[in-house]
Each structure stands twice: as C-alpha cells, then as structure tokens.
C-alpha cells in the first residue's frame, strides 16, 4: 500500500458500547496489540505485505477524541529547572537514594 492508503479509523456512536478501530499503520497496530483493553476481531496481511487489524475497545476505556491529541506545554527556564529537580528527587525517592 502507498502511504496515502494506510490509515487508522476510529468509529463509535452514542448507541455503541464499543469503539471500533481499524488500522494498517504499523505504529498503531503495534501499540493496540500491546494494550490488553483492545480485543482483536479481525486481521490479516494484504498482498503487498501490509498488516492490518480490526479491534474493539469497550466504550468505558475510551475517553474522548480530545484525549488523543498530545498536549504541549510552554515553560519558562525557571519552570524547566524546577520540573527537572522534582523529577530527579522523585527518581531518587523511588530508587531508595534519599
């Protein structure tokens, strides 16, 4: 398949109890297969070797479309330093290096 033909589609309605996901994008297919919340209902390989899959996800495991969008944060240099320090301290605490 050419790049324009490879896609991931997500379909659901207010009446559905599952979200239907179809993908033939390798990165999405890999991520979905690793997530135990998804149930694979169909799948295969096209003649050109492109793998595809169709999955169901319980509606209560799907937040909303807005949760798909990566959120970015603009921080000042001071905020970056403070965040880095908090992360370093949390890692030390987790590893028992007080």
PDB file of N, CA and C in Angstrom:
ATOM      1  N   UNK A   1       0.838  -1.184   0.000  1.00  0.00           N
ATOM      2  CA  UNK A   1       0.000   0.000   0.000  1.00  0.00           C
ATOM      3  C   UNK A   1       0.881   1.245   0.000  1.00  0.00           C
ATOM      4  N   UNK A   2       0.415   2.268  -0.667  1.00  0.00           N
ATOM      5  CA  UNK A   2       1.137   3.528  -0.616  1.00  0.00           C
ATOM      6  C   UNK A   2       0.731   4.272   0.657  1.00  0.00           C
ATOM      7  N   UNK A   3       1.524   5.244   1.045  1.00  0.00           N
ATOM      8  CA  UNK A   3       1.319   5.948   2.307  1.00  0.00           C
ATOM      9  C   UNK A   3      -0.097   6.519   2.429  1.00  0.00           C
ATOM     10  N   UNK A   4      -0.643   7.043   1.360  1.00  0.00           N
ATOM     11  CA  UNK A   4      -1.972   7.650   1.401  1.00  0.00           C
ATOM     12  C   UNK A   4      -3.073   6.634   1.664  1.00  0.00           C
ATOM     13  N   UNK A   5      -2.807   5.364   1.423  1.00  0.00           N
ATOM     14  CA  UNK A   5      -3.810   4.316   1.634  1.00  0.00           C
ATOM     15  C   UNK A   5      -3.758   3.724   3.044  1.00  0.00           C
ATOM     16  N   UNK A   6      -2.642   3.870   3.732  1.00  0.00           N
ATOM     17  CA  UNK A   6      -2.514   3.321   5.084  1.00  0.00           C
ATOM     18  C   UNK A   6      -3.140   4.307   6.064  1.00  0.00           C
ATOM     19  N   UNK A   7      -4.071   3.796   6.886  1.00  0.00           N
ATOM     20  CA  UNK A   7      -4.797   4.682   7.779  1.00  0.00           C
ATOM     21  C   UNK A   7      -5.231   3.953   9.044  1.00  0.00           C
ATOM     22  N   UNK A   8      -5.633   4.743  10.015  1.00  0.00           N
ATOM     23  CA  UNK A   8      -6.295   4.245  11.215  1.00  0.00           C
ATOM     24  C   UNK A   8      -7.615   4.978  11.312  1.00  0.00           C
ATOM     25  N   UNK A   9      -8.708   4.227  11.490  1.00  0.00           N
ATOM     26  CA  UNK A   9     -10.021   4.849  11.650  1.00  0.00           C
ATOM     27  C   UNK A   9     -10.609   4.411  12.987  1.00  0.00           C
ATOM     28  N   UNK A  10     -11.264   5.341  13.646  1.00  0.00           N
ATOM     29  CA  UNK A  10     -11.921   5.103  14.922  1.00  0.00           C
ATOM     30  C   UNK A  10     -13.391   5.450  14.724  1.00  0.00           C
ATOM     31  N   UNK A  11     -14.284   4.497  15.049  1.00  0.00           N
ATOM     32  CA  UNK A  11     -15.713   4.727  14.833  1.00  0.00           C
ATOM     33  C   UNK A  11     -16.508   4.340  16.070  1.00  0.00           C
ATOM     34  N   UNK A  12     -17.438   5.211  16.447  1.00  0.00           N
ATOM     35  CA  UNK A  12     -18.350   4.926  17.548  1.00  0.00           C
ATOM     36  C   UNK A  12     -19.519   5.887  17.477  1.00  0.00           C
ATOM     37  N   UNK A  13     -20.590   5.535  18.176  1.00  0.00           N
ATOM     38  CA  UNK A  13     -21.743   6.432  18.267  1.00  0.00           C
ATOM     39  C   UNK A  13     -22.263   6.408  19.692  1.00  0.00           C
ATOM     40  N   UNK A  14     -23.230   7.244  19.981  1.00  0.00           N
ATOM     41  CA  UNK A  14     -23.825   7.273  21.318  1.00  0.00           C
ATOM     42  C   UNK A  14     -24.486   5.945  21.671  1.00  0.00           C
ATOM     43  N   UNK A  15     -24.918   5.200  20.671  1.00  0.00           N
ATOM     44  CA  UNK A  15     -25.616   3.936  20.916  1.00  0.00           C
ATOM     45  C   UNK A  15     -24.660   2.755  21.100  1.00  0.00           C
ATOM     46  N   UNK A  16     -23.374   2.938  20.801  1.00  0.00           N
ATOM     47  CA  UNK A  16     -22.419   1.833  20.861  1.00  0.00           C
ATOM     48  C   UNK A  16     -21.894   1.591  22.265  1.00  0.00           C
ATOM     49  N   UNK A  17     -21.577   0.325  22.530  1.00  0.00           N
ATOM     50  CA  UNK A  17     -20.906   0.000  23.787  1.00  0.00           C
ATOM     51  C   UNK A  17     -19.427  -0.301  23.552  1.00  0.00           C
ATOM     52  N   UNK A  18     -19.016  -0.276  22.273  1.00  0.00           N
ATOM     53  CA  UNK A  18     -17.600  -0.453  21.934  1.00  0.00           C
ATOM     54  C   UNK A  18     -17.178   0.597  20.908  1.00  0.00           C
ATOM     55  N   UNK A  19     -15.893   0.879  20.915  1.00  0.00           N
ATOM     56  CA  UNK A  19     -15.282   1.729  19.895  1.00  0.00           C
ATOM     57  C   UNK A  19     -14.644   0.776  18.898  1.00  0.00           C
ATOM     58  N   UNK A  20     -14.911   0.972  17.617  1.00  0.00           N
ATOM     59  CA  UNK A  20     -14.338   0.122  16.571  1.00  0.00           C
ATOM     60  C   UNK A  20     -13.123   0.827  15.968  1.00  0.00           C
ATOM     61  N   UNK A  21     -12.009   0.110  15.931  1.00  0.00           N
ATOM     62  CA  UNK A  21     -10.767   0.675  15.408  1.00  0.00           C
ATOM     63  C   UNK A  21     -10.260  -0.232  14.302  1.00  0.00           C
ATOM     64  N   UNK A  22      -9.959   0.361  13.157  1.00  0.00           N
ATOM     65  CA  UNK A  22      -9.313  -0.356  12.055  1.00  0.00           C
ATOM     66  C   UNK A  22      -7.986   0.344  11.791  1.00  0.00           C
ATOM     67  N   UNK A  23      -6.933  -0.433  11.598  1.00  0.00           N
ATOM     68  CA  UNK A  23      -5.652   0.194  11.272  1.00  0.00           C
ATOM     69  C   UNK A  23      -4.800  -0.704  10.393  1.00  0.00           C
ATOM     70  N   UNK A  24      -4.029  -0.057   9.560  1.00  0.00           N
ATOM     71  CA  UNK A  24      -2.957  -0.740   8.828  1.00  0.00           C
ATOM     72  C   UNK A  24      -1.677   0.089   8.935  1.00  0.00           C
ATOM     73  N   UNK A  25      -1.628   0.941   9.972  1.00  0.00           N
ATOM     74  CA  UNK A  25      -0.411   1.685  10.285  1.00  0.00           C
ATOM     75  C   UNK A  25       0.379   0.877  11.305  1.00  0.00           C
ATOM     76  N   UNK A  26       1.598   0.565  10.975  1.00  0.00           N
ATOM     77  CA  UNK A  26       2.420  -0.309  11.813  1.00  0.00           C
ATOM     78  C   UNK A  26       2.515   0.196  13.250  1.00  0.00           C
ATOM     79  N   UNK A  27       2.776   1.494  13.453  1.00  0.00           N
ATOM     80  CA  UNK A  27       2.952   2.014  14.809  1.00  0.00           C
ATOM     81  C   UNK A  27       1.672   1.879  15.623  1.00  0.00           C
ATOM     82  N   UNK A  28       0.504   2.120  15.002  1.00  0.00           N
ATOM     83  CA  UNK A  28      -0.765   1.994  15.706  1.00  0.00           C
ATOM     84  C   UNK A  28      -1.090   0.526  15.974  1.00  0.00           C
ATOM     85  N   UNK A  29      -0.839  -0.324  14.997  1.00  0.00           N
ATOM     86  CA  UNK A  29      -1.099  -1.755  15.139  1.00  0.00           C
ATOM     87  C   UNK A  29      -0.294  -2.333  16.296  1.00  0.00           C
ATOM     88  N   UNK A  30       0.967  -1.963  16.376  1.00  0.00           N
ATOM     89  CA  UNK A  30       1.836  -2.441  17.454  1.00  0.00           C
ATOM     90  C   UNK A  30       1.330  -1.961  18.810  1.00  0.00           C
ATOM     91  N   UNK A  31       0.989  -0.686  18.920  1.00  0.00           N
ATOM     92  CA  UNK A  31       0.515  -0.115  20.185  1.00  0.00           C
ATOM     93  C   UNK A  31      -0.799  -0.756  20.621  1.00  0.00           C
ATOM     94  N   UNK A  32      -1.714  -0.951  19.698  1.00  0.00           N
ATOM     95  CA  UNK A  32      -3.016  -1.531  20.026  1.00  0.00           C
ATOM     96  C   UNK A  32      -2.864  -2.981  20.471  1.00  0.00           C
ATOM     97  N   UNK A  33      -2.022  -3.731  19.781  1.00  0.00           N
ATOM     98  CA  UNK A  33      -1.829  -5.135  20.151  1.00  0.00           C
ATOM     99  C   UNK A  33      -1.210  -5.288  21.535  1.00  0.00           C
ATOM    100  N   UNK A  34      -0.413  -4.325  21.959  1.00  0.00           N
ATOM    101  CA  UNK A  34       0.214  -4.367  23.287  1.00  0.00           C
ATOM    102  C   UNK A  34      -0.761  -3.984  24.391  1.00  0.00           C
ATOM    103  N   UNK A  35      -1.839  -3.300  24.050  1.00  0.00           N
ATOM    104  CA  UNK A  35      -2.798  -2.807  25.042  1.00  0.00           C
ATOM    105  C   UNK A  35      -3.893  -3.859  25.253  1.00  0.00           C
ATOM    106  N   UNK A  36      -3.946  -4.424  26.437  1.00  0.00           N
ATOM    107  CA  UNK A  36      -4.880  -5.504  26.746  1.00  0.00           C
ATOM    108  C   UNK A  36      -6.343  -5.073  26.736  1.00  0.00           C
ATOM    109  N   UNK A  37      -6.619  -3.787  26.724  1.00  0.00           N
ATOM    110  CA  UNK A  37      -8.001  -3.306  26.700  1.00  0.00           C
ATOM    111  C   UNK A  37      -8.657  -3.556  25.339  1.00  0.00           C
ATOM    112  N   UNK A  38      -7.849  -3.658  24.287  1.00  0.00           N
ATOM    113  CA  UNK A  38      -8.380  -3.889  22.947  1.00  0.00           C
ATOM    114  C   UNK A  38      -8.588  -5.378  22.702  1.00  0.00           C
ATOM    115  N   UNK A  39      -9.653  -5.714  21.980  1.00  0.00           N
ATOM    116  CA  UNK A  39      -9.902  -7.097  21.573  1.00  0.00           C
ATOM    117  C   UNK A  39      -9.834  -7.141  20.048  1.00  0.00           C
ATOM    118  N   UNK A  40      -8.929  -7.964  19.517  1.00  0.00           N
ATOM    119  CA  UNK A  40      -8.824  -8.065  18.061  1.00  0.00           C
ATOM    120  C   UNK A  40      -9.973  -8.918  17.541  1.00  0.00           C
ATOM    121  N   UNK A  41     -10.711  -8.382  16.565  1.00  0.00           N
ATOM    122  CA  UNK A  41     -11.849  -9.102  15.996  1.00  0.00           C
ATOM    123  C   UNK A  41     -11.581  -9.588  14.584  1.00  0.00           C
ATOM    124  N   UNK A  42     -10.550  -9.052  13.946  1.00  0.00           N
ATOM    125  CA  UNK A  42     -10.185  -9.487  12.591  1.00  0.00           C
ATOM    126  C   UNK A  42      -8.791  -8.966  12.300  1.00  0.00           C
ATOM    127  N   UNK A  43      -8.173  -9.499  11.286  1.00  0.00           N
ATOM    128  CA  UNK A  43      -6.843  -9.045  10.907  1.00  0.00           C
ATOM    129  C   UNK A  43      -6.284  -9.878   9.783  1.00  0.00           C
ATOM    130  N   UNK A  44      -5.203  -9.417   9.231  1.00  0.00           N
ATOM    131  CA  UNK A  44      -4.585 -10.144   8.134  1.00  0.00           C
ATOM    132  C   UNK A  44      -3.434  -9.355   7.542  1.00  0.00           C
ATOM    133  N   UNK A  45      -3.045  -9.795   6.352  1.00  0.00           N
ATOM    134  CA  UNK A  45      -1.944  -9.163   5.636  1.00  0.00           C
ATOM    135  C   UNK A  45      -2.381  -8.984   4.185  1.00  0.00           C
ATOM    136  N   UNK A  46      -2.246  -7.775   3.674  1.00  0.00           N
ATOM    137  CA  UNK A  46      -2.537  -7.519   2.271  1.00  0.00           C
ATOM    138  C   UNK A  46      -1.448  -8.145   1.395  1.00  0.00           C
ATOM    139  N   UNK A  47      -1.708  -8.272   0.100  1.00  0.00           N
ATOM    140  CA  UNK A  47      -0.763  -8.904  -0.821  1.00  0.00           C
ATOM    141  C   UNK A  47       0.611  -8.251  -0.828  1.00  0.00           C
ATOM    142  N   UNK A  48       0.650  -6.956  -0.554  1.00  0.00           N
ATOM    143  CA  UNK A  48       1.942  -6.252  -0.568  1.00  0.00           C
ATOM    144  C   UNK A  48       2.701  -6.408   0.751  1.00  0.00           C
ATOM    145  N   UNK A  49       2.114  -7.145   1.717  1.00  0.00           N
ATOM    146  CA  UNK A  49       2.782  -7.378   2.993  1.00  0.00           C
ATOM    147  C   UNK A  49       2.333  -6.460   4.111  1.00  0.00           C
ATOM    148  N   UNK A  50       1.449  -5.513   3.829  1.00  0.00           N
ATOM    149  CA  UNK A  50       0.952  -4.598   4.853  1.00  0.00           C
ATOM    150  C   UNK A  50       0.000  -5.341   5.784  1.00  0.00           C
ATOM    151  N   UNK A  51       0.322  -5.339   7.074  1.00  0.00           N
ATOM    152  CA  UNK A  51      -0.527  -5.992   8.065  1.00  0.00           C
ATOM    153  C   UNK A  51      -1.659  -5.046   8.455  1.00  0.00           C
ATOM    154  N   UNK A  52      -2.825  -5.608   8.755  1.00  0.00           N
ATOM    155  CA  UNK A  52      -3.959  -4.806   9.178  1.00  0.00           C
ATOM    156  C   UNK A  52      -4.676  -5.504  10.322  1.00  0.00           C
ATOM    157  N   UNK A  53      -5.456  -4.731  11.057  1.00  0.00           N
ATOM    158  CA  UNK A  53      -6.230  -5.298  12.143  1.00  0.00           C
ATOM    159  C   UNK A  53      -7.468  -4.485  12.436  1.00  0.00           C
ATOM    160  N   UNK A  54      -8.482  -5.188  12.936  1.00  0.00           N
ATOM    161  CA  UNK A  54      -9.726  -4.562  13.350  1.00  0.00           C
ATOM    162  C   UNK A  54      -9.934  -4.926  14.817  1.00  0.00           C
ATOM    163  N   UNK A  55     -10.242  -3.932  15.643  1.00  0.00           N
ATOM    164  CA  UNK A  55     -10.282  -4.112  17.086  1.00  0.00           C
ATOM    165  C   UNK A  55     -11.526  -3.475  17.679  1.00  0.00           C
ATOM    166  N   UNK A  56     -11.917  -3.971  18.850  1.00  0.00           N
ATOM    167  CA  UNK A  56     -12.959  -3.347  19.652  1.00  0.00           C
ATOM    168  C   UNK A  56     -12.342  -2.912  20.965  1.00  0.00           C
ATOM    169  N   UNK A  57     -12.790  -1.769  21.441  1.00  0.00           N
ATOM    170  CA  UNK A  57     -12.372  -1.226  22.732  1.00  0.00           C
ATOM    171  C   UNK A  57     -13.640  -0.874  23.493  1.00  0.00           C
ATOM    172  N   UNK A  58     -13.812  -1.385  24.723  1.00  0.00           N
ATOM    173  CA  UNK A  58     -15.009  -1.015  25.476  1.00  0.00           C
ATOM    174  C   UNK A  58     -15.115   0.510  25.603  1.00  0.00           C
ATOM    175  N   UNK A  59     -16.312   1.011  25.449  1.00  0.00           N
ATOM    176  CA  UNK A  59     -16.538   2.456  25.467  1.00  0.00           C
ATOM    177  C   UNK A  59     -16.017   3.092  26.752  1.00  0.00           C
ATOM    178  N   UNK A  60     -16.123   2.366  27.889  1.00  0.00           N
ATOM    179  CA  UNK A  60     -15.664   2.959  29.146  1.00  0.00           C
ATOM    180  C   UNK A  60     -14.146   3.068  29.230  1.00  0.00           C
ATOM    181  N   UNK A  61     -13.421   2.445  28.306  1.00  0.00           N
ATOM    182  CA  UNK A  61     -11.960   2.555  28.259  1.00  0.00           C
ATOM    183  C   UNK A  61     -11.510   3.681  27.324  1.00  0.00           C
ATOM    184  N   UNK A  62     -12.447   4.223  26.563  1.00  0.00           N
ATOM    185  CA  UNK A  62     -12.159   5.286  25.603  1.00  0.00           C
ATOM    186  C   UNK A  62     -12.640   6.598  26.194  1.00  0.00           C
ATOM    187  N   UNK A  63     -11.727   7.525  26.411  1.00  0.00           N
ATOM    188  CA  UNK A  63     -12.099   8.801  26.994  1.00  0.00           C
ATOM    189  C   UNK A  63     -12.909   9.640  26.027  1.00  0.00           C
ATOM    190  N   UNK A  64     -12.229  10.239  25.104  1.00  0.00           N
ATOM    191  CA  UNK A  64     -12.857  11.064  24.076  1.00  0.00           C
ATOM    192  C   UNK A  64     -11.803  11.329  23.012  1.00  0.00           C
ATOM    193  N   UNK A  65     -12.224  11.879  21.929  1.00  0.00           N
ATOM    194  CA  UNK A  65     -11.272  12.192  20.868  1.00  0.00           C
ATOM    195  C   UNK A  65     -10.245  13.207  21.350  1.00  0.00           C
ATOM    196  N   UNK A  66     -10.649  14.112  22.222  1.00  0.00           N
ATOM    197  CA  UNK A  66      -9.708  15.130  22.696  1.00  0.00           C
ATOM    198  C   UNK A  66      -8.561  14.531  23.502  1.00  0.00           C
ATOM    199  N   UNK A  67      -8.757  13.328  24.056  1.00  0.00           N
ATOM    200  CA  UNK A  67      -7.673  12.699  24.812  1.00  0.00           C
ATOM    201  C   UNK A  67      -6.594  12.126  23.896  1.00  0.00           C
ATOM    202  N   UNK A  68      -6.858  12.064  22.609  1.00  0.00           N
ATOM    203  CA  UNK A  68      -5.888  11.558  21.643  1.00  0.00           C
ATOM    204  C   UNK A  68      -4.835  12.619  21.321  1.00  0.00           C
ATOM    205  N   UNK A  69      -5.224  13.864  21.364  1.00  0.00           N
ATOM    206  CA  UNK A  69      -4.354  14.960  20.970  1.00  0.00           C
ATOM    207  C   UNK A  69      -3.274  15.176  22.023  1.00  0.00           C
ATOM    208  N   UNK A  70      -2.018  15.189  21.579  1.00  0.00           N
ATOM    209  CA  UNK A  70      -0.919  15.452  22.500  1.00  0.00           C
ATOM    210  C   UNK A  70      -0.973  16.900  22.933  1.00  0.00           C
ATOM    211  N   UNK A  71      -0.817  17.089  24.215  1.00  0.00           N
ATOM    212  CA  UNK A  71      -0.823  18.450  24.738  1.00  0.00           C
ATOM    213  C   UNK A  71       0.612  18.902  24.948  1.00  0.00           C
ATOM    214  N   UNK A  72       0.871  20.110  24.540  1.00  0.00           N
ATOM    215  CA  UNK A  72       2.206  20.663  24.726  1.00  0.00           C
ATOM    216  C   UNK A  72       2.131  21.757  25.782  1.00  0.00           C
ATOM    217  N   UNK A  73       3.251  21.999  26.372  1.00  0.00           N
ATOM    218  CA  UNK A  73       3.308  22.968  27.448  1.00  0.00           C
ATOM    219  C   UNK A  73       4.494  23.889  27.225  1.00  0.00           C
ATOM    220  N   UNK A  74       4.275  25.175  27.288  1.00  0.00           N
ATOM    221  CA  UNK A  74       5.351  26.139  27.168  1.00  0.00           C
ATOM    222  C   UNK A  74       5.795  26.510  28.580  1.00  0.00           C
ATOM    223  N   UNK A  75       7.080  26.244  28.877  1.00  0.00           N
ATOM    224  CA  UNK A  75       7.603  26.535  30.214  1.00  0.00           C
ATOM    225  C   UNK A  75       8.735  27.538  30.129  1.00  0.00           C
ATOM    226  N   UNK A  76       8.847  28.330  31.176  1.00  0.00           N
ATOM    227  CA  UNK A  76       9.991  29.238  31.281  1.00  0.00           C
ATOM    228  C   UNK A  76      11.206  28.414  31.694  1.00  0.00           C
ATOM    229  N   UNK A  77      12.383  29.006  31.611  1.00  0.00           N
ATOM    230  CA  UNK A  77      13.602  28.309  32.030  1.00  0.00           C
ATOM    231  C   UNK A  77      13.525  27.918  33.507  1.00  0.00           C
ATOM    232  N   UNK A  78      12.957  28.800  34.327  1.00  0.00           N
ATOM    233  CA  UNK A  78      12.823  28.507  35.760  1.00  0.00           C
ATOM    234  C   UNK A  78      11.901  27.311  35.991  1.00  0.00           C
ATOM    235  N   UNK A  79      10.808  27.248  35.241  1.00  0.00           N
ATOM    236  CA  UNK A  79       9.885  26.121  35.366  1.00  0.00           C
ATOM    237  C   UNK A  79      10.546  24.813  34.936  1.00  0.00           C
ATOM    238  N   UNK A  80      11.359  24.867  33.885  1.00  0.00           N
ATOM    239  CA  UNK A  80      12.078  23.665  33.432  1.00  0.00           C
ATOM    240  C   UNK A  80      13.033  23.159  34.517  1.00  0.00           C
ATOM    241  N   UNK A  81      13.763  24.068  35.136  1.00  0.00           N
ATOM    242  CA  UNK A  81      14.709  23.695  36.192  1.00  0.00           C
ATOM    243  C   UNK A  81      13.952  23.081  37.370  1.00  0.00           C
ATOM    244  N   UNK A  82      12.861  23.719  37.787  1.00  0.00           N
ATOM    245  CA  UNK A  82      12.074  23.212  38.916  1.00  0.00           C
ATOM    246  C   UNK A  82      11.488  21.843  38.601  1.00  0.00           C
ATOM    247  N   UNK A  83      11.003  21.662  37.390  1.00  0.00           N
ATOM    248  CA  UNK A  83      10.438  20.373  36.988  1.00  0.00           C
ATOM    249  C   UNK A  83      11.517  19.298  36.964  1.00  0.00           C
ATOM    250  N   UNK A  84      12.681  19.626  36.444  1.00  0.00           N
ATOM    251  CA  UNK A  84      13.795  18.676  36.405  1.00  0.00           C
ATOM    252  C   UNK A  84      14.218  18.275  37.818  1.00  0.00           C
ATOM    253  N   UNK A  85      14.245  19.232  38.727  1.00  0.00           N
ATOM    254  CA  UNK A  85      14.604  18.931  40.121  1.00  0.00           C
ATOM    255  C   UNK A  85      13.568  18.023  40.781  1.00  0.00           C
ATOM    256  N   UNK A  86      12.286  18.310  40.561  1.00  0.00           N
ATOM    257  CA  UNK A  86      11.235  17.461  41.126  1.00  0.00           C
ATOM    258  C   UNK A  86      11.329  16.043  40.579  1.00  0.00           C
ATOM    259  N   UNK A  87      11.577  15.906  39.287  1.00  0.00           N
ATOM    260  CA  UNK A  87      11.709  14.588  38.676  1.00  0.00           C
ATOM    261  C   UNK A  87      12.918  13.846  39.236  1.00  0.00           C
ATOM    262  N   UNK A  88      14.044  14.532  39.378  1.00  0.00           N
ATOM    263  CA  UNK A  88      15.250  13.903  39.933  1.00  0.00           C
ATOM    264  C   UNK A  88      15.001  13.437  41.361  1.00  0.00           C
ATOM    265  N   UNK A  89      14.335  14.270  42.161  1.00  0.00           N
ATOM    266  CA  UNK A  89      14.026  13.891  43.541  1.00  0.00           C
ATOM    267  C   UNK A  89      13.070  12.706  43.602  1.00  0.00           C
ATOM    268  N   UNK A  90      12.079  12.679  42.723  1.00  0.00           N
ATOM    269  CA  UNK A  90      11.129  11.564  42.697  1.00  0.00           C
ATOM    270  C   UNK A  90      11.842  10.271  42.310  1.00  0.00           C
ATOM    271  N   UNK A  91      12.756  10.345  41.351  1.00  0.00           N
ATOM    272  CA  UNK A  91      13.513   9.153  40.955  1.00  0.00           C
ATOM    273  C   UNK A  91      14.408   8.660  42.089  1.00  0.00           C
ATOM    274  N   UNK A  92      15.035   9.591  42.795  1.00  0.00           N
ATOM    275  CA  UNK A  92      15.868   9.201  43.937  1.00  0.00           C
ATOM    276  C   UNK A  92      15.024   8.511  45.004  1.00  0.00           C
ATOM    277  N   UNK A  93      13.875   9.075  45.297  1.00  0.00           N
ATOM    278  CA  UNK A  93      12.992   8.509  46.311  1.00  0.00           C
ATOM    279  C   UNK A  93      12.512   7.121  45.897  1.00  0.00           C
ATOM    280  N   UNK A  94      12.176   6.959  44.639  1.00  0.00           N
ATOM    281  CA  UNK A  94      11.708   5.678  44.134  1.00  0.00           C
ATOM    282  C   UNK A  94      12.788   4.615  44.209  1.00  0.00           C
ATOM    283  N   UNK A  95      14.018   5.017  43.950  1.00  0.00           N
ATOM    284  CA  UNK A  95      15.144   4.073  43.959  1.00  0.00           C
ATOM    285  C   UNK A  95      15.769   3.918  45.331  1.00  0.00           C
ATOM    286  N   UNK A  96      15.234   4.621  46.316  1.00  0.00           N
ATOM    287  CA  UNK A  96      15.733   4.483  47.682  1.00  0.00           C
ATOM    288  C   UNK A  96      17.018   5.258  47.946  1.00  0.00           C
ATOM    289  N   UNK A  97      17.320   6.241  47.134  1.00  0.00           N
ATOM    290  CA  UNK A  97      18.529   7.071  47.291  1.00  0.00           C
ATOM    291  C   UNK A  97      18.144   8.437  47.832  1.00  0.00           C
ATOM    292  N   UNK A  98      17.749   8.510  49.058  1.00  0.00           N
ATOM    293  CA  UNK A  98      17.256   9.772  49.618  1.00  0.00           C
ATOM    294  C   UNK A  98      18.270  10.839  49.594  1.00  0.00           C
TER     295      UNK A  98
END
